[in-house]
Amino acid sequence: MLRFRSLGSGSSGNATLVEAGDGTQRTRVLIDCGLGIRQLEQRLAASGVEPGGIDALFITHEHADHIGCAQSLAQRWRVPVWMSRGTHQALGSPGWDGMVREARDGLTIEVGALQLRPMTVPHDAREPLQLTLGDGAVTLGVLTDLGHATAHVAQRLAGCDALLLECNHDSALLDSGPYPPFLKRRVGGPWGHLANEAAAELLRAIAHAGLRHVVAAHLSEQNNRPELARRALAQVLNCADEEIVVADGPSGCGWLTV
């Protein structure tokens, strides 16, 4: 069995917990760690997980809302941390007591019952990676923080049984919103973040009958609304808006079984 939940998603901090296995033997991977250590421990506890029960941490890129307390988690609980060489260099090549491991596009990472498959994405970071995770039976795609969906991204997400998908902004709200022009260009540009309509376009390209869950993630508090993200994705899947789960910053979303 594979299940997942967001512990928080947005500029205030990102973390996604993925669990695979049966009742006696479980593998848990945390994707990003963009929270304070106390906050992370509280949200893990609410999920029924102790920090020492995390088998691996995967960092997608070096931005603060994804790094957070990664060092504290790695060193305090001896959790291996996977990241790209570029991300590691952008962080100053830290040692973290020997806990750092190198992740690369196309290189499968085996962590207990889970197989992690990183993929490169276009984003304004040193060497950002997103990924799919599978247990041999089902696959989850995790895709946040990218300016546009490349053919490589679409190919790697094809056949996923569940998807955590960035719906960062509504283009009209971004254009008319309070951000200064340079930030609007950065967010809406090809190396920034996915708009609702761009996320919907990608979903249309990879949707299939076996896609069980779609979670809208990394919504901007200033430039998006949950109902707009839901509507954009629901129209693609021809389902009710309420069937699209939205992960927010304060609480993420509840457990979803794939």
Protein backbone atom coordinates (compact mmCIF):
# COMPACT_ATOMS: atom_id res chain seq x y z
CA MET A 1 0.00 0.00 0.00
CA LEU A 2 1.18 3.51 -0.83
CA ARG A 3 -0.28 6.62 0.74
CA PHE A 4 0.74 10.26 0.98
CA ARG A 5 -0.15 13.56 2.55
CA SER A 6 1.05 17.12 2.33
CA LEU A 7 2.24 18.56 5.63
CA GLY A 8 2.18 22.05 4.13
CA SER A 9 2.34 23.51 0.64
CA GLY A 10 3.08 27.09 -0.37
CA SER A 11 5.55 29.90 0.20
CA SER A 12 5.24 29.40 3.98
CA GLY A 13 6.84 25.96 3.69
CA ASN A 14 6.61 22.71 1.75
CA ALA A 15 6.77 19.10 2.94
CA THR A 16 5.14 15.94 1.59
CA LEU A 17 5.14 12.62 3.43
CA VAL A 18 4.97 9.37 1.45
CA GLU A 19 4.56 5.96 3.07
CA ALA A 20 4.65 2.47 1.59
CA GLY A 21 4.46 -1.04 3.00
CA ASP A 22 2.19 -3.08 5.24
CA GLY A 23 1.37 -2.81 8.92
CA THR A 24 4.61 -4.42 10.08
CA GLN A 25 7.17 -2.93 7.70
CA ARG A 26 6.77 0.63 6.44
CA THR A 27 9.00 2.94 4.43
CA ARG A 28 8.59 6.70 4.85
CA VAL A 29 10.10 9.38 2.66
CA LEU A 30 9.76 13.11 3.27
CA ILE A 31 9.91 15.29 0.17
CA ASP A 32 11.20 18.73 1.13
CA CYS A 33 11.43 20.05 4.64
CA GLY A 34 10.51 23.72 4.41
CA LEU A 35 9.21 24.07 7.98
CA GLY A 36 10.75 24.82 11.36
CA ILE A 37 11.81 21.73 13.29
CA ARG A 38 9.13 22.11 15.97
CA GLN A 39 6.46 22.71 13.38
CA LEU A 40 7.61 19.68 11.40
CA GLU A 41 7.61 17.48 14.49
CA GLN A 42 4.08 18.62 15.36
CA ARG A 43 2.76 17.90 11.88
CA LEU A 44 4.50 14.54 11.75
CA ALA A 45 3.01 13.66 15.16
CA ALA A 46 -0.45 14.60 13.87
CA SER A 47 0.21 12.13 11.02
CA GLY A 48 1.17 9.37 13.46
CA VAL A 49 4.86 9.50 12.55
CA GLU A 50 7.95 10.21 14.65
CA PRO A 51 10.91 12.06 13.06
CA GLY A 52 13.05 8.99 13.70
CA GLY A 53 10.62 7.01 11.54
CA ILE A 54 11.61 8.90 8.40
CA ASP A 55 13.83 6.71 6.20
CA ALA A 56 14.95 9.39 3.75
CA LEU A 57 14.57 13.06 2.93
CA PHE A 58 14.48 14.23 -0.69
CA ILE A 59 15.18 17.92 -1.30
CA THR A 60 13.89 19.23 -4.64
CA HIS A 61 15.93 22.47 -4.65
CA GLU A 62 17.64 25.00 -2.43
CA HIS A 63 14.92 27.62 -1.91
CA ALA A 64 14.16 28.33 1.74
CA ASP A 65 10.55 27.14 1.63
CA HIS A 66 11.83 23.69 0.65
CA ILE A 67 15.00 23.43 2.76
CA GLY A 68 13.73 24.68 6.14
CA CYS A 69 14.92 22.36 8.91
CA ALA A 70 16.55 19.75 6.65
CA GLN A 71 19.89 20.00 8.41
CA SER A 72 18.35 19.62 11.87
CA LEU A 73 16.29 16.61 10.78
CA ALA A 74 19.26 14.94 9.08
CA GLN A 75 21.71 15.39 11.92
CA ARG A 76 19.40 14.94 14.89
CA TRP A 77 17.65 11.83 13.57
CA ARG A 78 20.34 10.47 11.20
CA VAL A 79 18.13 10.72 8.14
CA PRO A 80 19.86 10.39 4.73
CA VAL A 81 19.21 13.42 2.52
CA TRP A 82 19.04 13.10 -1.26
CA MET A 83 19.55 16.18 -3.45
CA SER A 84 21.14 17.07 -6.76
CA ARG A 85 24.79 18.08 -6.98
CA GLY A 86 23.68 21.57 -8.01
CA THR A 87 21.41 21.93 -5.00
CA HIS A 88 24.20 20.73 -2.74
CA GLN A 89 26.59 23.30 -4.23
CA ALA A 90 23.99 26.07 -3.95
CA LEU A 91 23.76 25.31 -0.23
CA GLY A 92 27.52 25.64 0.16
CA SER A 93 28.31 21.89 -0.11
CA PRO A 94 27.42 21.05 3.51
CA GLY A 95 28.49 17.77 5.06
CA TRP A 96 25.61 17.29 7.50
CA ASP A 97 27.53 14.53 9.28
CA GLY A 98 27.75 12.37 6.19
CA MET A 99 24.00 12.26 5.59
CA VAL A 100 24.00 13.85 2.10
CA ARG A 101 23.46 11.63 -0.97
CA GLU A 102 23.50 12.68 -4.64
CA ALA A 103 20.33 12.42 -6.73
CA ARG A 104 20.30 12.67 -10.53
CA ASP A 105 17.74 12.71 -13.28
CA GLY A 106 16.90 9.18 -14.35
CA LEU A 107 18.79 7.48 -11.50
CA THR A 108 16.39 5.33 -9.44
CA ILE A 109 16.84 5.61 -5.68
CA GLU A 110 15.82 2.55 -3.66
CA VAL A 111 14.56 3.34 -0.15
CA GLY A 112 12.99 0.29 1.44
CA ALA A 113 9.69 -0.44 -0.30
CA LEU A 114 9.86 2.76 -2.37
CA GLN A 115 11.57 3.56 -5.66
CA LEU A 116 12.27 7.26 -6.22
CA ARG A 117 12.83 8.47 -9.77
CA PRO A 118 14.02 12.10 -9.98
CA MET A 119 13.49 14.28 -13.04
CA THR A 120 14.88 17.65 -14.05
CA VAL A 121 12.47 20.57 -14.27
CA PRO A 122 12.76 24.20 -15.46
CA HIS A 123 12.90 26.42 -12.37
CA ASP A 124 15.14 29.26 -11.22
CA ALA A 125 17.29 27.13 -8.96
CA ARG A 126 20.75 25.55 -9.40
CA GLU A 127 19.69 22.01 -10.41
CA PRO A 128 16.06 21.43 -9.37
CA LEU A 129 14.52 17.98 -9.37
CA GLN A 130 10.99 16.71 -8.96
CA LEU A 131 10.15 13.02 -8.82
CA THR A 132 7.87 10.04 -8.97
CA LEU A 133 7.65 7.45 -6.21
CA GLY A 134 6.44 3.89 -6.64
CA ASP A 135 6.09 0.71 -4.59
CA GLY A 136 6.01 -1.67 -7.58
CA ALA A 137 2.23 -1.54 -7.83
CA VAL A 138 1.29 2.15 -8.00
CA THR A 139 3.09 5.43 -8.66
CA LEU A 140 2.77 8.93 -7.22
CA GLY A 141 4.00 11.98 -9.12
CA VAL A 142 5.17 15.03 -7.17
CA LEU A 143 5.54 18.17 -9.28
CA THR A 144 5.89 21.64 -7.77
CA ASP A 145 8.10 24.63 -8.56
CA LEU A 146 8.51 24.68 -12.32
CA GLY A 147 7.91 27.39 -14.87
CA HIS A 148 6.58 25.15 -17.63
CA ALA A 149 6.00 21.48 -18.25
CA THR A 150 8.54 20.03 -20.68
CA ALA A 151 8.03 16.94 -22.80
CA HIS A 152 10.45 15.18 -20.43
CA VAL A 153 8.24 16.01 -17.44
CA ALA A 154 5.08 14.84 -19.20
CA GLN A 155 6.76 11.61 -20.24
CA ARG A 156 7.95 10.87 -16.71
CA LEU A 157 4.49 11.52 -15.23
CA ALA A 158 2.62 9.41 -17.76
CA GLY A 159 0.80 6.54 -16.06
CA CYS A 160 0.93 7.95 -12.53
CA ASP A 161 -1.87 6.72 -10.27
CA ALA A 162 -1.85 9.92 -8.18
CA LEU A 163 -0.45 13.39 -8.67
CA LEU A 164 0.53 16.30 -6.44
CA LEU A 165 0.57 19.13 -8.97
CA GLU A 166 1.57 22.78 -8.67
CA CYS A 167 -1.23 25.27 -9.33
CA ASN A 168 0.65 28.34 -8.17
CA HIS A 169 -1.29 31.24 -9.61
CA ASP A 170 -4.17 32.48 -11.67
CA SER A 171 -2.67 34.55 -14.48
CA ALA A 172 -5.27 37.32 -14.24
CA LEU A 173 -4.83 37.62 -10.46
CA LEU A 174 -1.04 37.71 -10.85
CA ASP A 175 -1.25 40.44 -13.50
CA SER A 176 -3.55 42.62 -11.40
CA GLY A 177 -2.04 41.74 -8.01
CA PRO A 178 0.32 43.55 -5.65
CA TYR A 179 3.62 42.01 -6.77
CA PRO A 180 6.17 44.41 -8.34
CA PRO A 181 6.71 43.94 -12.10
CA PHE A 182 10.00 42.05 -11.76
CA LEU A 183 8.40 39.50 -9.42
CA LYS A 184 5.40 39.07 -11.69
CA ARG A 185 7.76 38.32 -14.55
CA ARG A 186 9.68 35.85 -12.42
CA VAL A 187 6.62 33.98 -11.13
CA GLY A 188 4.82 33.90 -14.47
CA GLY A 189 7.91 33.23 -16.57
CA PRO A 190 9.21 29.95 -18.01
CA TRP A 191 11.50 29.40 -15.01
CA GLY A 192 8.99 30.39 -12.34
CA HIS A 193 5.79 28.62 -11.35
CA LEU A 194 2.87 26.90 -13.06
CA ALA A 195 -0.34 28.85 -13.56
CA ASN A 196 -3.66 27.05 -13.13
CA GLU A 197 -4.16 26.85 -16.88
CA ALA A 198 -0.66 25.45 -17.43
CA ALA A 199 -1.25 22.81 -14.76
CA ALA A 200 -4.53 21.91 -16.44
CA GLU A 201 -2.81 21.62 -19.81
CA LEU A 202 -0.25 19.21 -18.38
CA LEU A 203 -2.97 17.22 -16.64
CA ARG A 204 -4.86 16.94 -19.93
CA ALA A 205 -1.77 15.48 -21.56
CA ILE A 206 -1.24 12.74 -18.95
CA ALA A 207 -4.74 12.02 -17.59
CA HIS A 208 -5.92 8.44 -17.84
CA ALA A 209 -8.63 6.23 -16.37
CA GLY A 210 -6.36 4.93 -13.61
CA LEU A 211 -5.55 8.37 -12.17
CA ARG A 212 -7.10 8.16 -8.69
CA HIS A 213 -6.09 11.35 -6.91
CA VAL A 214 -5.07 14.84 -8.04
CA VAL A 215 -3.93 17.31 -5.39
CA ALA A 216 -3.50 20.98 -6.28
CA ALA A 217 -0.41 22.27 -4.48
CA HIS A 218 1.80 25.31 -3.91
CA LEU A 219 -1.06 27.80 -4.35
CA SER A 220 -0.09 31.45 -3.96
CA GLU A 221 -2.01 33.17 -1.18
CA GLN A 222 -1.91 36.47 -3.09
CA ASN A 223 -2.38 35.29 -6.67
CA ASN A 224 -4.69 32.29 -6.55
CA ARG A 225 -7.83 30.91 -4.96
CA PRO A 226 -8.56 27.25 -4.12
CA GLU A 227 -11.80 27.35 -6.08
CA LEU A 228 -9.97 28.55 -9.21
CA ALA A 229 -7.38 25.77 -9.01
CA ARG A 230 -10.08 23.15 -8.37
CA ARG A 231 -12.15 24.35 -11.31
CA ALA A 232 -9.21 24.31 -13.74
CA LEU A 233 -8.27 20.71 -12.91
CA ALA A 234 -11.82 19.41 -12.52
CA GLN A 235 -12.72 20.59 -16.02
CA VAL A 236 -9.95 18.42 -17.42
CA LEU A 237 -11.01 15.35 -15.48
CA ASN A 238 -14.73 16.01 -16.03
CA CYS A 239 -15.40 15.66 -12.31
CA ALA A 240 -16.91 17.80 -9.57
CA ASP A 241 -14.68 20.61 -8.31
CA GLU A 242 -14.88 19.13 -4.79
CA GLU A 243 -13.12 15.97 -5.97
CA ILE A 244 -9.90 17.95 -6.42
CA VAL A 245 -7.99 18.11 -3.14
CA VAL A 246 -6.14 21.34 -2.34
CA ALA A 247 -3.02 21.29 -0.14
CA ASP A 248 -2.59 24.55 1.76
CA GLY A 249 0.20 26.11 3.79
CA PRO A 250 -1.13 25.75 7.36
CA SER A 251 -2.24 22.11 7.20
CA GLY A 252 -1.46 20.59 3.79
CA CYS A 253 -3.99 17.84 3.23
CA GLY A 254 -5.02 14.56 4.83
CA TRP A 255 -3.77 11.08 3.99
CA LEU A 256 -4.68 9.80 0.53
CA THR A 257 -4.26 6.12 -0.33
CA VAL A 258 -3.22 5.37 -3.90
